[in-house]
Amino acid sequence: MLRLFQKAASDKDLEREGTSADLAHPNEPHLREQNISPRASIWLDALRVFLLAQVLLGHLAAIALPEISEVAGRRDSFALGVLAYRLMTRFGAQSAYVFVFLSGLLVGGPLLARARQGEILDFAEFVRRRFARIIPALWIALAVGATFDVVGAFVLGAADVYSHQKAYNFLGAMTFENFGGDLLCLQPTFVGMFGSNGPLWTLGYIAQFYLAGFALSRALATRAHLPLIASCCGFLAAAIFRPEWGALFVIWCFGALARNLSVGGWDGRLYFAVGFALFVAANRAPTPLSILMCGACGFLLFNWARVAVAAPPPWLSCILQTIAGLSYEIYMTHYPAAFFIFAVSFGAITTNSVAFLTFLAASLPTVGLVSIATRYAAGLAVCLPTRAV
């Protein structure tokens, strides 16, 4: 299976490929693939880092901090700190939704542009180039997560912690069915999470959207009604079976469309302000509406990045690009690594600031090192560059 990926291009090359060509049709002046300039790419990296921080820091709070309801009414410094930390890092779900929009923007956008030109892409080549970025790292991350869970629960004696993590039973989720399904990117549509690695649900959806988006682009490229109707019926059935899948695929497709829309007129600060306001408001909306609001937020923030006048300083750009280049690996490995530290070193919700800060100080470097090692191992496995791109 790994040989299938050895001819794959790097992720960043694929994201930007074809962006310099004007793909507008003469009768569609507002529909063409938008060029992502180096400056805009850096600001999109900054957005990815912000979203990743929301997911990571929010999960660390979920692991080791009491709920807001448990400290409500208290006025001690720890309770106030818990309240402030949780209020600032409560947007993990919305961050994952915007990640899905960005996937559509960067992967679906070129697919839509080529479909409009009538270009029918080769499926095997698409799979090699697209899945080479996530599948090897996903398999390694699953192995790493399983190792953390097994060692923590059975070797170091923290099975009770793994069985009673608030509303989850991580030991109960360690089944062959879940592990095999996660290897094939079937989570969460057909299988649950394996062990403690719940965040892989986003990667499962994104991989499924790659295939669904390719099928839709093929149907559009053929200009034939029957394949397009069949594709739409299939997507409608999937949305009925799992409404969350349907809403997320809508914003993935909206991301693809946004890459091909020529939009102007607004000042960049207005794009940012309205987009950020939607992001915050989506946290209080029901899930389907929250997903759609995050799609609109992603559209506005993409246009903010596109029209931004100034770029960050070079040193900051380097940091942002490096962290964003590791975003998949951090996303795939952070929860098992952090929960392992919590289970074997703490075992119970922290009750003071020193304990939680100690947990942060141990977890963040560990997550970073595990992510870098995962990226390096995946690069060696498929002969891809191992530098962060």
Protein backbone atom coordinates (compact mmCIF):
# COMPACT_ATOMS: atom_id res chain seq x y z
CA MET A 1 0.00 0.00 0.00
CA LEU A 2 2.80 2.43 0.83
CA ARG A 3 4.21 2.16 -2.69
CA LEU A 4 0.99 3.68 -3.94
CA PHE A 5 2.09 6.97 -2.42
CA GLN A 6 5.73 7.11 -3.48
CA LYS A 7 5.06 9.33 -6.53
CA ALA A 8 3.00 11.79 -4.51
CA ALA A 9 3.71 15.49 -4.58
CA SER A 10 4.08 17.49 -1.39
CA ASP A 11 0.90 18.83 0.22
CA LYS A 12 1.73 22.48 -0.28
CA ASP A 13 2.52 22.00 -3.96
CA LEU A 14 -0.86 20.40 -4.53
CA GLU A 15 -2.68 23.08 -2.58
CA ARG A 16 -1.22 25.79 -4.81
CA GLU A 17 -1.01 23.95 -8.10
CA GLY A 18 -2.67 25.72 -10.96
CA THR A 19 -3.36 28.87 -8.99
CA SER A 20 -1.41 31.13 -11.33
CA ALA A 21 -3.56 30.29 -14.34
CA ASP A 22 -6.66 32.27 -15.13
CA LEU A 23 -9.34 29.62 -15.43
CA ALA A 24 -12.27 31.98 -15.98
CA HIS A 25 -14.74 31.24 -18.71
CA PRO A 26 -15.62 34.22 -20.90
CA ASN A 27 -19.24 34.08 -19.80
CA GLU A 28 -18.39 33.59 -16.09
CA PRO A 29 -16.43 36.73 -15.15
CA HIS A 30 -16.91 36.20 -11.41
CA LEU A 31 -16.00 32.50 -11.37
CA ARG A 32 -12.32 31.64 -11.66
CA GLU A 33 -9.74 29.94 -9.49
CA GLN A 34 -8.28 32.57 -7.17
CA ASN A 35 -4.55 32.83 -6.84
CA ILE A 36 -3.29 32.34 -3.26
CA SER A 37 -0.35 34.69 -3.00
CA PRO A 38 2.59 33.97 -0.65
CA ARG A 39 1.32 36.71 1.67
CA ALA A 40 -2.20 35.28 1.75
CA SER A 41 -0.76 31.81 2.32
CA ILE A 42 1.08 33.06 5.42
CA TRP A 43 -2.11 34.56 6.82
CA LEU A 44 -3.94 31.30 6.13
CA ASP A 45 -1.16 29.55 8.04
CA ALA A 46 -1.77 31.99 10.89
CA LEU A 47 -5.46 31.06 10.80
CA ARG A 48 -4.59 27.35 10.90
CA VAL A 49 -2.32 27.92 13.91
CA PHE A 50 -5.10 29.77 15.73
CA LEU A 51 -7.59 27.00 14.99
CA LEU A 52 -5.09 24.34 16.05
CA ALA A 53 -4.42 26.17 19.32
CA GLN A 54 -8.14 26.27 20.05
CA VAL A 55 -8.40 22.50 19.55
CA LEU A 56 -5.25 21.65 21.48
CA LEU A 57 -5.73 23.98 24.45
CA GLY A 58 -9.43 23.16 24.63
CA HIS A 59 -8.69 19.45 24.81
CA LEU A 60 -6.09 19.98 27.53
CA ALA A 61 -8.78 21.77 29.51
CA ALA A 62 -11.24 18.94 28.87
CA ILE A 63 -8.70 16.44 30.17
CA ALA A 64 -7.46 18.17 33.31
CA LEU A 65 -9.71 21.07 34.33
CA PRO A 66 -13.09 21.05 36.09
CA GLU A 67 -16.14 22.12 34.14
CA ILE A 68 -17.36 25.72 34.35
CA SER A 69 -20.43 24.52 36.23
CA GLU A 70 -18.18 22.98 38.90
CA VAL A 71 -16.48 26.30 39.71
CA ALA A 72 -19.50 28.57 39.18
CA GLY A 73 -20.03 30.92 42.05
CA ARG A 74 -16.50 30.59 43.40
CA ARG A 75 -14.26 33.64 43.61
CA ASP A 76 -10.86 32.09 44.35
CA SER A 77 -8.03 32.61 41.89
CA PHE A 78 -8.09 29.04 40.57
CA ALA A 79 -11.83 29.14 39.82
CA LEU A 80 -11.49 32.48 38.05
CA GLY A 81 -8.54 31.13 36.07
CA VAL A 82 -10.54 28.05 35.04
CA LEU A 83 -13.40 30.29 33.93
CA ALA A 84 -11.11 32.55 31.86
CA TYR A 85 -9.18 29.65 30.29
CA ARG A 86 -12.29 27.71 29.34
CA LEU A 87 -14.06 30.76 27.91
CA MET A 88 -11.05 31.52 25.68
CA THR A 89 -10.58 27.93 24.49
CA ARG A 90 -14.16 26.76 24.03
CA PHE A 91 -14.15 26.98 20.22
CA GLY A 92 -12.64 23.59 19.39
CA ALA A 93 -15.68 22.32 17.47
CA GLN A 94 -15.94 25.54 15.47
CA SER A 95 -12.21 25.34 14.71
CA ALA A 96 -12.67 21.83 13.32
CA TYR A 97 -15.52 23.06 11.11
CA VAL A 98 -13.37 25.87 9.70
CA PHE A 99 -10.62 23.31 9.06
CA VAL A 100 -13.11 21.41 6.88
CA PHE A 101 -13.86 24.61 4.95
CA LEU A 102 -10.13 25.19 4.40
CA SER A 103 -9.76 21.63 3.13
CA GLY A 104 -12.42 22.34 0.53
CA LEU A 105 -10.72 25.62 -0.34
CA LEU A 106 -7.29 24.09 -0.87
CA VAL A 107 -8.24 20.69 -2.31
CA GLY A 108 -11.72 21.11 -3.71
CA GLY A 109 -10.97 24.47 -5.34
CA PRO A 110 -8.56 23.07 -7.96
CA LEU A 111 -10.91 20.10 -8.51
CA LEU A 112 -13.79 22.45 -9.30
CA ALA A 113 -11.65 24.63 -11.58
CA ARG A 114 -10.56 21.62 -13.64
CA ALA A 115 -14.08 20.22 -13.75
CA ARG A 116 -15.31 23.50 -15.21
CA GLN A 117 -12.68 23.16 -17.93
CA GLY A 118 -13.96 19.67 -18.71
CA GLU A 119 -10.74 18.02 -17.50
CA ILE A 120 -11.36 14.50 -16.20
CA LEU A 121 -8.73 13.65 -13.59
CA ASP A 122 -7.21 10.21 -13.12
CA PHE A 123 -8.50 8.65 -9.91
CA ALA A 124 -5.33 6.70 -9.07
CA GLU A 125 -3.17 9.80 -9.51
CA PHE A 126 -5.52 11.86 -7.35
CA VAL A 127 -5.40 9.25 -4.58
CA ARG A 128 -1.60 9.06 -4.72
CA ARG A 129 -1.15 12.80 -4.55
CA ARG A 130 -3.90 13.60 -2.07
CA PHE A 131 -3.80 10.75 0.40
CA ALA A 132 -0.02 10.62 0.63
CA ARG A 133 -0.22 13.65 2.91
CA ILE A 134 -2.50 12.13 5.53
CA ILE A 135 -2.67 8.32 5.28
CA PRO A 136 0.91 7.39 6.32
CA ALA A 137 0.83 9.92 9.16
CA LEU A 138 -2.63 8.67 10.17
CA TRP A 139 -1.47 5.06 10.38
CA ILE A 140 1.57 6.02 12.42
CA ALA A 141 -0.54 8.27 14.66
CA LEU A 142 -2.97 5.42 15.30
CA ALA A 143 -0.08 3.15 16.27
CA VAL A 144 1.40 5.85 18.51
CA GLY A 145 -1.97 6.52 20.15
CA ALA A 146 -2.60 2.81 20.71
CA THR A 147 0.84 2.49 22.29
CA PHE A 148 0.17 5.39 24.68
CA ASP A 149 -3.21 3.93 25.63
CA VAL A 150 -2.01 0.36 26.16
CA VAL A 151 1.10 1.36 28.12
CA GLY A 152 -0.80 3.87 30.23
CA ALA A 153 -3.77 1.64 30.98
CA PHE A 154 -2.16 -1.78 31.38
CA VAL A 155 1.57 -1.36 31.95
CA LEU A 156 1.47 1.66 34.25
CA GLY A 157 -1.81 0.76 35.92
CA ALA A 158 -4.05 3.66 34.92
CA ALA A 159 -6.86 1.51 33.49
CA ASP A 160 -9.42 3.07 35.83
CA VAL A 161 -8.58 6.56 34.56
CA TYR A 162 -8.91 5.43 30.95
CA SER A 163 -12.28 3.82 31.73
CA HIS A 164 -13.78 6.85 33.48
CA GLN A 165 -12.76 9.99 31.61
CA LYS A 166 -15.89 12.04 32.21
CA ALA A 167 -18.43 10.80 29.62
CA TYR A 168 -16.00 8.48 27.79
CA ASN A 169 -14.72 4.97 28.24
CA PHE A 170 -11.47 4.88 26.31
CA LEU A 171 -10.81 1.24 27.14
CA GLY A 172 -14.23 0.28 25.81
CA ALA A 173 -13.39 2.04 22.54
CA MET A 174 -10.25 -0.04 22.03
CA THR A 175 -11.76 -2.57 19.62
CA PHE A 176 -10.45 -4.13 16.43
CA GLU A 177 -13.49 -2.78 14.59
CA ASN A 178 -12.69 0.81 15.59
CA PHE A 179 -8.98 0.40 14.88
CA GLY A 180 -9.56 -1.08 11.41
CA GLY A 181 -12.21 1.51 10.61
CA ASP A 182 -9.94 4.36 11.68
CA LEU A 183 -7.14 2.97 9.49
CA LEU A 184 -9.54 3.25 6.54
CA CYS A 185 -10.77 6.75 7.50
CA LEU A 186 -14.27 5.49 8.28
CA GLN A 187 -14.58 7.42 11.55
CA PRO A 188 -17.08 8.70 12.56
CA THR A 189 -19.49 7.78 9.74
CA PHE A 190 -19.28 4.02 10.25
CA VAL A 191 -17.11 3.39 13.34
CA GLY A 192 -16.27 5.16 16.58
CA MET A 193 -12.94 6.42 17.86
CA PHE A 194 -10.22 3.99 18.85
CA GLY A 195 -9.03 4.46 22.43
CA SER A 196 -8.50 8.05 23.41
CA ASN A 197 -7.96 9.42 19.90
CA GLY A 198 -11.34 11.07 19.41
CA PRO A 199 -10.05 14.03 17.33
CA LEU A 200 -9.48 11.72 14.34
CA TRP A 201 -13.14 12.22 13.41
CA THR A 202 -12.23 15.36 11.49
CA LEU A 203 -9.58 13.55 9.44
CA GLY A 204 -12.04 10.76 8.69
CA TYR A 205 -14.55 13.23 7.30
CA ILE A 206 -11.92 15.08 5.29
CA ALA A 207 -10.70 11.88 3.66
CA GLN A 208 -14.30 10.96 2.80
CA PHE A 209 -14.84 14.43 1.34
CA TYR A 210 -11.76 14.02 -0.87
CA LEU A 211 -13.43 11.03 -2.50
CA ALA A 212 -16.89 12.60 -2.61
CA GLY A 213 -15.44 15.80 -4.03
CA PHE A 214 -13.54 13.87 -6.69
CA ALA A 215 -16.71 12.01 -7.67
CA LEU A 216 -18.62 15.28 -7.93
CA SER A 217 -15.87 16.90 -10.01
CA ARG A 218 -15.88 13.93 -12.40
CA ALA A 219 -19.64 14.23 -12.76
CA LEU A 220 -19.36 17.96 -13.47
CA ALA A 221 -16.51 17.47 -15.93
CA THR A 222 -18.42 14.96 -18.05
CA ARG A 223 -21.27 17.46 -18.53
CA ALA A 224 -23.61 14.44 -18.42
CA HIS A 225 -26.83 14.68 -16.42
CA LEU A 226 -27.02 11.08 -15.20
CA PRO A 227 -23.66 10.97 -13.31
CA LEU A 228 -24.41 14.35 -11.74
CA ILE A 229 -27.90 13.28 -10.64
CA ALA A 230 -26.51 10.00 -9.28
CA SER A 231 -23.81 11.85 -7.33
CA CYS A 232 -26.30 14.31 -5.85
CA CYS A 233 -28.65 11.49 -4.85
CA GLY A 234 -25.77 9.69 -3.17
CA PHE A 235 -24.77 12.80 -1.24
CA LEU A 236 -28.38 13.41 -0.22
CA ALA A 237 -28.66 9.84 1.08
CA ALA A 238 -25.43 10.27 3.05
CA ALA A 239 -26.74 13.52 4.53
CA ILE A 240 -29.99 11.84 5.59
CA PHE A 241 -28.04 8.95 7.11
CA ARG A 242 -25.74 11.35 8.96
CA PRO A 243 -26.82 15.03 8.94
CA GLU A 244 -23.47 16.19 10.33
CA TRP A 245 -21.75 14.64 7.30
CA GLY A 246 -24.13 16.49 5.00
CA ALA A 247 -23.62 19.88 6.65
CA LEU A 248 -19.84 19.50 6.69
CA PHE A 249 -19.76 18.41 3.05
CA VAL A 250 -21.79 21.51 2.17
CA ILE A 251 -19.13 23.79 3.68
CA TRP A 252 -16.35 21.69 2.09
CA CYS A 253 -17.99 22.33 -1.29
CA PHE A 254 -18.49 25.97 -0.35
CA GLY A 255 -14.74 26.16 0.28
CA ALA A 256 -14.15 24.79 -3.21
CA LEU A 257 -16.54 27.36 -4.65
CA ALA A 258 -14.92 30.18 -2.63
CA ARG A 259 -11.58 29.38 -4.28
CA ASN A 260 -13.25 30.00 -7.64
CA LEU A 261 -15.24 33.13 -6.80
CA SER A 262 -14.00 36.59 -7.61
CA VAL A 263 -15.11 38.72 -4.67
CA GLY A 264 -14.14 42.28 -3.94
CA GLY A 265 -15.27 45.50 -2.40
CA TRP A 266 -14.82 45.01 1.34
CA ASP A 267 -11.93 46.28 3.40
CA GLY A 268 -9.83 43.48 4.90
CA ARG A 269 -10.60 44.59 8.44
CA LEU A 270 -14.31 44.25 7.77
CA TYR A 271 -13.87 40.71 6.43
CA PHE A 272 -11.92 39.85 9.59
CA ALA A 273 -14.35 41.49 12.03
CA VAL A 274 -17.48 39.89 10.56
CA GLY A 275 -15.76 36.51 10.15
CA PHE A 276 -14.51 36.48 13.73
CA ALA A 277 -17.94 37.55 15.02
CA LEU A 278 -19.54 34.63 13.15
CA PHE A 279 -16.94 32.27 14.61
CA VAL A 280 -17.80 33.35 18.16
CA ALA A 281 -21.56 33.32 17.56
CA ALA A 282 -21.38 29.82 16.05
CA ASN A 283 -20.33 28.49 19.45
CA ARG A 284 -23.84 29.15 20.78
CA ALA A 285 -25.76 27.82 17.76
CA PRO A 286 -27.15 24.29 17.22
CA THR A 287 -24.68 22.00 15.47
CA PRO A 288 -26.02 22.16 11.87
CA LEU A 289 -26.34 25.94 12.02
CA SER A 290 -22.94 26.24 13.72
CA ILE A 291 -21.35 24.29 10.86
CA LEU A 292 -22.92 26.53 8.21
CA MET A 293 -21.94 29.67 10.14
CA CYS A 294 -18.35 28.42 10.27
CA GLY A 295 -18.44 27.94 6.51
CA ALA A 296 -19.41 31.60 6.12
CA CYS A 297 -16.71 32.51 8.66
CA GLY A 298 -14.10 30.60 6.65
CA PHE A 299 -15.16 32.39 3.47
CA LEU A 300 -14.78 35.81 5.10
CA LEU A 301 -11.44 34.98 6.69
CA PHE A 302 -10.11 33.62 3.40
CA ASN A 303 -10.97 36.92 1.74
CA TRP A 304 -9.37 38.77 4.65
CA ALA A 305 -6.15 36.82 4.03
CA ARG A 306 -6.41 37.42 0.29
CA VAL A 307 -6.68 41.23 0.56
CA ALA A 308 -4.36 41.70 3.56
CA VAL A 309 -1.94 44.53 2.86
CA ALA A 310 0.99 43.62 5.11
CA ALA A 311 2.61 40.28 5.87
CA PRO A 312 3.84 39.22 9.32
CA PRO A 313 7.55 39.73 10.12
CA PRO A 314 9.80 37.07 8.55
CA TRP A 315 10.63 35.44 11.90
CA LEU A 316 6.92 35.13 12.74
CA SER A 317 6.10 33.87 9.24
CA CYS A 318 8.68 31.11 9.69
CA ILE A 319 7.14 30.03 13.00
CA LEU A 320 3.61 30.09 11.60
CA GLN A 321 4.56 28.07 8.51
CA THR A 322 6.40 25.49 10.60
CA ILE A 323 3.52 24.94 13.04
CA ALA A 324 0.92 24.97 10.26
CA GLY A 325 2.99 22.42 8.36
CA LEU A 326 2.70 20.09 11.36
CA SER A 327 -1.02 20.71 11.85
CA TYR A 328 -2.12 17.25 10.69
CA GLU A 329 0.38 15.48 12.94
CA ILE A 330 -0.42 17.64 15.97
CA TYR A 331 -4.12 17.10 15.41
CA MET A 332 -3.71 13.33 15.09
CA THR A 333 -1.45 12.71 18.09
CA HIS A 334 -2.09 15.38 20.73
CA TYR A 335 -4.93 13.78 22.65
CA PRO A 336 -3.40 10.33 23.34
CA ALA A 337 -0.06 11.93 24.26
CA ALA A 338 -1.60 14.48 26.63
CA PHE A 339 -4.02 12.01 28.18
CA PHE A 340 -1.18 9.56 28.81
CA ILE A 341 0.65 12.24 30.83
CA PHE A 342 -2.54 13.04 32.72
CA ALA A 343 -3.42 9.41 33.45
CA VAL A 344 -0.01 8.30 34.73
CA SER A 345 1.05 11.51 36.50
CA PHE A 346 -2.15 13.09 37.81
CA GLY A 347 -5.05 10.67 37.54
CA ALA A 348 -7.64 13.17 38.69
CA ILE A 349 -8.87 16.62 37.72
CA THR A 350 -6.43 19.32 38.79
CA THR A 351 -7.56 21.45 41.71
CA ASN A 352 -4.95 24.20 41.71
CA SER A 353 -3.09 26.36 39.23
CA VAL A 354 0.33 24.81 39.88
CA ALA A 355 -0.93 21.33 39.00
CA PHE A 356 -2.56 22.47 35.76
CA LEU A 357 0.43 24.56 34.70
CA THR A 358 2.63 21.53 35.37
CA PHE A 359 0.35 19.47 33.16
CA LEU A 360 0.61 22.10 30.40
CA ALA A 361 4.38 22.29 30.73
CA ALA A 362 4.66 18.52 30.35
CA SER A 363 2.03 18.08 27.63
CA LEU A 364 2.89 20.80 25.11
CA PRO A 365 6.55 19.78 24.50
CA THR A 366 5.54 16.12 24.43
CA VAL A 367 2.87 16.78 21.80
CA GLY A 368 5.38 18.76 19.76
CA LEU A 369 8.03 16.04 19.85
CA VAL A 370 5.54 13.26 19.09
CA SER A 371 4.16 15.27 16.14
CA ILE A 372 7.63 15.91 14.69
CA ALA A 373 8.53 12.24 15.08
CA THR A 374 5.28 11.22 13.38
CA ARG A 375 5.94 13.57 10.47
CA TYR A 376 9.50 12.31 10.11
CA ALA A 377 8.46 8.65 10.23
CA ALA A 378 5.69 9.21 7.69
CA GLY A 379 8.15 10.98 5.41
CA LEU A 380 10.60 8.10 5.61
CA ALA A 381 7.83 5.59 4.97
CA VAL A 382 6.79 7.06 1.63
CA CYS A 383 9.99 8.84 0.57
CA LEU A 384 8.45 12.30 1.01
CA PRO A 385 10.33 15.36 2.24
CA THR A 386 10.35 15.37 6.02
CA ARG A 387 10.70 19.12 6.47
CA ALA A 388 7.63 21.08 7.51
CA VAL A 389 6.12 22.62 4.38
